[in-house]
Amino acid sequence: MKKILLSLGFCLIAALTFAQSEYKGQKFGDEVKPGDVKPAAKMEVAMGDKKAVDMKIEGKVIDVCKKKGCWMTLEMPNGDPMRVTFKDYAFFMPMDIVGKKVVLDGVAKKQTISVETLRHYAEDAHKSADQVAKITDPKRELAFEAKGVVILDK
């Protein structure tokens, strides 16, 4: 009887562990395995003084490229959105995911974005010609290059 109960207990633990072994939702790119996921708001602190760090983050989508889903932005506590691109442009996001939570696996970066690239992003976001022309200085920002993304079913 002890062996049966012990075996059932082991099976239950294994089943629960397996059930928690992946995120539920629409998946893109490489698999995003659970474990050590930081909120996007804590990413910069977790990076310390490094310019690039492999990590997993979770955040809320606030914008997606209107042309083909080739980038998205996540909500950050300072009010500036954080741009997310996709490694080697191997995959793109659906354009209807604004407001959804995502989990990303990839490389967090501290970088400077050129005026040319900022203008390109503004054009992708359908900003007016006047708004694009007002971009005259490069911008220091946090960014993330995702190898894998899960749009959570929450």
Protein backbone atom coordinates (compact mmCIF):
# COMPACT_ATOMS: atom_id res chain seq x y z
CA MET A 1 0.00 0.00 0.00
CA LYS A 2 2.88 2.36 0.83
CA LYS A 3 4.41 1.73 -2.59
CA ILE A 4 1.14 2.50 -4.35
CA LEU A 5 0.65 5.77 -2.45
CA LEU A 6 4.28 6.72 -3.00
CA SER A 7 3.96 5.96 -6.72
CA LEU A 8 0.73 7.98 -7.00
CA GLY A 9 2.34 10.87 -5.16
CA PHE A 10 5.34 10.80 -7.49
CA CYS A 11 3.05 10.71 -10.55
CA LEU A 12 1.05 13.68 -9.24
CA ILE A 13 4.18 15.73 -8.62
CA ALA A 14 5.54 14.84 -12.07
CA ALA A 15 2.23 15.77 -13.72
CA LEU A 16 2.10 19.14 -11.92
CA THR A 17 5.70 19.86 -12.81
CA PHE A 18 5.10 19.00 -16.47
CA ALA A 19 1.95 21.14 -16.56
CA GLN A 20 4.04 24.13 -15.48
CA SER A 21 6.85 23.41 -17.95
CA GLU A 22 5.69 25.78 -20.66
CA TYR A 23 3.81 29.01 -21.16
CA LYS A 24 0.28 28.87 -22.52
CA GLY A 25 -0.29 31.08 -25.51
CA GLN A 26 0.70 31.82 -29.08
CA LYS A 27 4.42 31.12 -29.60
CA PHE A 28 6.90 32.69 -32.03
CA GLY A 29 10.58 31.93 -32.65
CA ASP A 30 12.56 29.79 -30.21
CA GLU A 31 10.89 28.11 -27.23
CA VAL A 32 10.59 30.30 -24.12
CA LYS A 33 11.19 28.06 -21.13
CA PRO A 34 9.79 29.05 -17.73
CA GLY A 35 12.10 30.24 -15.00
CA ASP A 36 13.84 33.44 -13.91
CA VAL A 37 11.52 35.82 -15.78
CA LYS A 38 11.84 39.47 -14.77
CA PRO A 39 9.24 42.18 -15.25
CA ALA A 40 10.29 44.53 -18.06
CA ALA A 41 10.28 47.34 -15.49
CA LYS A 42 13.17 45.62 -13.62
CA MET A 43 15.27 44.86 -16.71
CA GLU A 44 17.68 47.81 -16.43
CA VAL A 45 18.39 47.09 -12.76
CA ALA A 46 19.02 43.41 -13.58
CA MET A 47 21.50 44.45 -16.29
CA GLY A 48 23.67 46.42 -13.87
CA ASP A 49 26.50 48.12 -15.75
CA LYS A 50 26.46 45.68 -18.69
CA LYS A 51 25.42 46.85 -22.16
CA ALA A 52 23.86 43.52 -23.16
CA VAL A 53 22.53 40.60 -21.08
CA ASP A 54 20.72 37.36 -21.98
CA MET A 55 17.47 37.23 -20.00
CA LYS A 56 13.75 36.59 -20.01
CA ILE A 57 11.26 39.38 -19.37
CA GLU A 58 7.50 39.82 -19.17
CA GLY A 59 5.61 42.94 -20.15
CA LYS A 60 2.55 44.55 -21.69
CA VAL A 61 2.51 45.37 -25.43
CA ILE A 62 1.64 49.00 -26.17
CA ASP A 63 2.38 49.17 -29.91
CA VAL A 64 3.23 46.93 -32.87
CA CYS A 65 4.72 47.82 -36.27
CA LYS A 66 1.76 48.69 -38.49
CA LYS A 67 3.45 47.44 -41.68
CA LYS A 68 4.17 43.80 -40.86
CA GLY A 69 4.66 43.34 -37.11
CA CYS A 70 8.46 43.61 -37.37
CA TRP A 71 8.78 45.27 -33.93
CA MET A 72 6.70 45.94 -30.85
CA THR A 73 7.02 48.16 -27.81
CA LEU A 74 6.48 47.27 -24.16
CA GLU A 75 5.19 49.50 -21.39
CA MET A 76 7.92 50.82 -19.08
CA PRO A 77 7.51 52.67 -15.76
CA ASN A 78 9.20 55.90 -16.95
CA GLY A 79 6.59 56.32 -19.70
CA ASP A 80 9.06 55.69 -22.55
CA PRO A 81 8.14 52.49 -24.39
CA MET A 82 10.86 49.87 -24.86
CA ARG A 83 11.37 48.64 -28.41
CA VAL A 84 11.51 44.90 -29.05
CA THR A 85 12.91 43.52 -32.29
CA PHE A 86 13.18 39.91 -33.37
CA LYS A 87 16.49 38.10 -33.91
CA ASP A 88 17.43 38.01 -37.60
CA TYR A 89 13.85 39.12 -38.44
CA ALA A 90 13.03 35.41 -38.25
CA PHE A 91 9.45 36.07 -37.11
CA PHE A 92 6.95 38.90 -36.72
CA MET A 93 4.11 39.66 -34.30
CA PRO A 94 0.40 39.85 -35.07
CA MET A 95 -0.65 43.48 -35.25
CA ASP A 96 -3.66 43.03 -32.92
CA ILE A 97 -1.80 42.29 -29.66
CA VAL A 98 -1.77 45.76 -28.10
CA GLY A 99 -2.69 45.41 -24.42
CA LYS A 100 -1.63 41.75 -24.22
CA LYS A 101 1.05 40.35 -21.89
CA VAL A 102 4.08 38.69 -23.46
CA VAL A 103 7.08 36.72 -22.23
CA LEU A 104 10.31 37.18 -24.17
CA ASP A 105 13.61 35.31 -24.21
CA GLY A 106 16.55 37.13 -25.73
CA VAL A 107 19.08 39.91 -25.19
CA ALA A 108 18.40 43.06 -23.18
CA LYS A 109 20.42 46.02 -24.47
CA LYS A 110 21.36 49.57 -23.58
CA GLN A 111 21.89 51.36 -26.89
CA THR A 112 21.87 54.62 -28.79
CA ILE A 113 19.43 54.80 -31.72
CA SER A 114 20.47 56.91 -34.73
CA VAL A 115 18.27 59.69 -36.13
CA GLU A 116 17.85 57.68 -39.35
CA THR A 117 16.58 54.63 -37.47
CA LEU A 118 14.28 56.72 -35.26
CA ARG A 119 12.78 58.29 -38.37
CA HIS A 120 12.30 54.83 -39.91
CA TYR A 121 10.48 53.67 -36.75
CA ALA A 122 8.29 56.79 -36.85
CA GLU A 123 7.38 56.13 -40.49
CA ASP A 124 6.54 52.49 -39.63
CA ALA A 125 4.24 53.80 -36.90
CA HIS A 126 2.48 56.03 -39.48
CA LYS A 127 3.64 59.31 -37.92
CA SER A 128 3.10 62.44 -40.01
CA ALA A 129 5.91 63.91 -42.12
CA ASP A 130 6.11 66.83 -39.67
CA GLN A 131 6.55 64.46 -36.71
CA VAL A 132 9.26 62.53 -38.58
CA ALA A 133 11.09 65.76 -39.51
CA LYS A 134 11.18 66.83 -35.83
CA ILE A 135 13.43 63.86 -35.01
CA THR A 136 16.88 65.46 -35.02
CA ASP A 137 18.81 63.82 -32.17
CA PRO A 138 19.83 60.23 -31.46
CA LYS A 139 18.21 58.60 -28.44
CA ARG A 140 19.69 56.48 -25.66
CA GLU A 141 17.29 53.71 -24.74
CA LEU A 142 16.71 50.23 -23.46
CA ALA A 143 15.86 47.68 -26.12
CA PHE A 144 15.32 43.95 -26.39
CA GLU A 145 16.14 41.51 -29.18
CA ALA A 146 13.84 38.52 -28.77
CA LYS A 147 14.79 34.99 -29.82
CA GLY A 148 11.39 33.72 -28.71
CA VAL A 149 8.04 35.24 -27.72
CA VAL A 150 4.89 33.91 -26.11
CA ILE A 151 1.69 35.97 -26.22
CA LEU A 152 0.12 34.83 -22.96
CA ASP A 153 -3.44 33.51 -22.86
CA LYS A 154 -4.21 35.34 -19.58
